[in-house]
Protein backbone atom coordinates (compact mmCIF):
# COMPACT_ATOMS: atom_id res chain seq x y z
CA MET A 1 132.95 138.84 65.84
CA ASN A 2 135.65 141.35 64.76
CA LYS A 3 134.02 144.15 62.55
CA VAL A 4 134.97 147.79 62.42
CA ALA A 5 133.08 150.51 60.53
CA LEU A 6 134.50 153.92 60.19
CA VAL A 7 133.94 157.28 58.33
CA GLY A 8 136.62 159.83 58.28
CA ARG A 9 139.13 161.92 56.27
CA LEU A 10 142.51 160.83 55.23
CA CYS A 11 145.13 162.67 57.09
CA ALA A 12 147.69 162.42 54.20
CA ASP A 13 147.86 160.71 50.67
CA PRO A 14 147.88 156.96 51.08
CA LYS A 15 151.33 155.28 50.92
CA THR A 16 151.52 152.42 48.65
CA GLN A 17 154.15 149.70 48.47
CA TYR A 18 154.51 146.38 46.91
CA THR A 19 155.79 143.21 48.81
CA GLN A 20 158.54 140.97 47.42
CA ASN A 21 155.62 138.76 45.93
CA GLN A 22 154.18 141.92 44.17
CA VAL A 23 151.17 142.21 46.49
CA CYS A 24 150.02 145.84 46.79
CA VAL A 25 149.67 147.19 50.42
CA CYS A 26 148.43 150.70 51.10
CA SER A 27 148.48 152.36 54.47
CA PHE A 28 147.22 155.67 55.79
CA SER A 29 145.72 157.42 58.82
CA LEU A 30 142.14 158.19 59.18
CA ALA A 31 140.83 161.16 61.19
CA VAL A 32 137.43 160.14 62.67
CA ASN A 33 135.38 162.78 64.45
CA ARG A 34 134.12 161.96 67.84
CA ARG A 35 130.41 162.13 68.39
CA TYR A 36 130.47 163.99 71.57
CA LYS A 37 133.03 166.69 72.41
CA GLN A 38 134.22 167.00 76.01
CA GLU A 39 136.25 169.87 77.48
CA GLY A 40 139.95 169.07 77.25
CA GLN A 41 139.51 166.06 74.99
CA PRO A 42 140.49 165.75 71.26
CA ASP A 43 137.76 166.25 68.77
CA ALA A 44 138.91 163.39 66.57
CA ASP A 45 140.69 160.05 66.78
CA PHE A 46 143.45 159.24 64.31
CA ILE A 47 143.31 155.55 63.22
CA ASN A 48 145.93 153.60 61.31
CA ILE A 49 144.38 151.81 58.34
CA VAL A 50 146.04 149.17 56.07
CA ALA A 51 144.59 147.67 52.87
CA TRP A 52 145.93 144.83 50.66
CA ASN A 53 145.44 143.64 46.99
CA LYS A 54 142.72 145.24 44.96
CA THR A 55 141.33 147.20 47.84
CA ALA A 56 144.84 148.90 48.24
CA GLU A 57 145.05 149.67 44.56
CA PHE A 58 141.57 151.16 44.67
CA ILE A 59 142.37 153.40 47.65
CA ALA A 60 145.74 154.53 45.98
CA LYS A 61 144.07 155.44 42.69
CA TYR A 62 140.96 157.27 43.95
CA PHE A 63 141.73 158.77 47.28
CA THR A 64 143.85 161.64 48.39
CA LYS A 65 144.55 163.69 51.54
CA GLY A 66 141.35 165.24 52.99
CA GLN A 67 138.85 163.08 51.15
CA GLN A 68 136.19 161.44 53.17
CA ILE A 69 136.04 157.69 53.07
CA GLY A 70 133.97 154.84 54.53
CA ILE A 71 135.80 151.72 55.61
CA ILE A 72 134.56 148.41 56.85
CA GLY A 73 137.23 146.04 58.06
CA ARG A 74 138.63 144.23 61.15
CA LEU A 75 140.87 145.38 63.97
CA GLN A 76 144.24 143.75 63.95
CA THR A 77 147.15 143.81 66.46
CA ARG A 78 150.71 142.69 65.71
CA THR A 79 154.25 143.15 67.24
CA TYR A 80 157.76 143.52 65.71
CA ASP A 81 161.28 144.30 66.97
CA ASP A 82 162.60 147.68 65.90
CA LYS A 83 166.22 148.36 64.92
CA ASP A 84 167.11 148.68 68.65
CA GLY A 85 165.58 145.42 69.45
CA LYS A 86 162.75 146.85 71.28
CA LYS A 87 159.32 145.24 70.86
CA VAL A 88 156.75 147.56 69.09
CA TYR A 89 153.03 147.04 69.35
CA VAL A 90 150.83 148.00 66.48
CA THR A 91 146.96 148.15 66.34
CA GLU A 92 145.40 148.96 63.03
CA VAL A 93 142.26 148.36 61.07
CA VAL A 94 142.54 146.14 57.97
CA ALA A 95 140.25 147.62 55.35
CA GLU A 96 138.03 144.94 53.57
CA GLU A 97 135.35 147.25 52.03
CA VAL A 98 135.81 150.88 50.98
CA GLU A 99 133.21 153.41 49.95
CA PHE A 100 133.15 157.05 48.70
CA THR A 101 131.23 159.02 51.30
CA GLY A 102 131.76 162.69 50.36
CA SER A 103 133.99 165.14 48.71
CA LYS A 104 135.83 167.76 50.64
CA LYS A 105 135.93 170.07 47.46
CA GLU A 106 132.10 169.92 47.08
CA GLU A 107 131.57 170.68 50.75
CA GLU A 108 133.99 173.65 50.84
CA LYS A 109 132.61 175.16 47.70
CA GLY A 110 129.10 174.29 48.44
CA GLU A 111 128.63 172.81 45.05
CA SER A 112 125.38 171.37 44.03
CA VAL A 113 123.67 170.42 40.83
CA ASN A 114 122.28 173.42 38.92
CA LEU A 115 118.92 172.25 37.58
CA ASP A 116 118.59 175.35 35.42
CA THR A 117 121.26 174.05 33.05
CA PHE A 118 119.25 171.06 32.16
CA LYS A 119 116.75 171.07 29.35
CA PRO A 120 113.57 168.94 29.45
CA VAL A 121 113.29 166.26 26.90
CA THR A 122 110.15 166.57 24.72
CA ASP A 123 108.44 163.87 22.76
CA GLU A 124 109.61 165.59 19.53
CA ALA A 125 113.33 165.47 20.51
CA LYS A 126 115.44 162.87 18.63
CA LEU A 127 117.20 160.69 21.03
CA PRO A 128 120.37 158.92 19.98
CA PHE A 129 119.08 155.50 21.17
């Protein structure tokens, strides 16, 4: 079974392109915090993500740098020859499912719903439905 689940923050705005057949492809790097921090080790891993078709369009439309995102997908490896003829190996996660998992702005501002601004509905109130 090849299944990957990640929650992290986008390192930059997603890059969207279209293939010659007009298929949308979106790629970005995801910073995923490590659970345990060890002395001299990085606190996060930076994982390359690629999404196709409707998933790619969704990510491009709704996500920007710094936003938290949840991804379920599969690990994929591929190779290609660069302009110098040298073989390049790539490992990336192909996103199959995407979810909103948080908002950087809300976390930074500490925003929450202010219940004082809501008014209770009484039986006498006329509702539009």
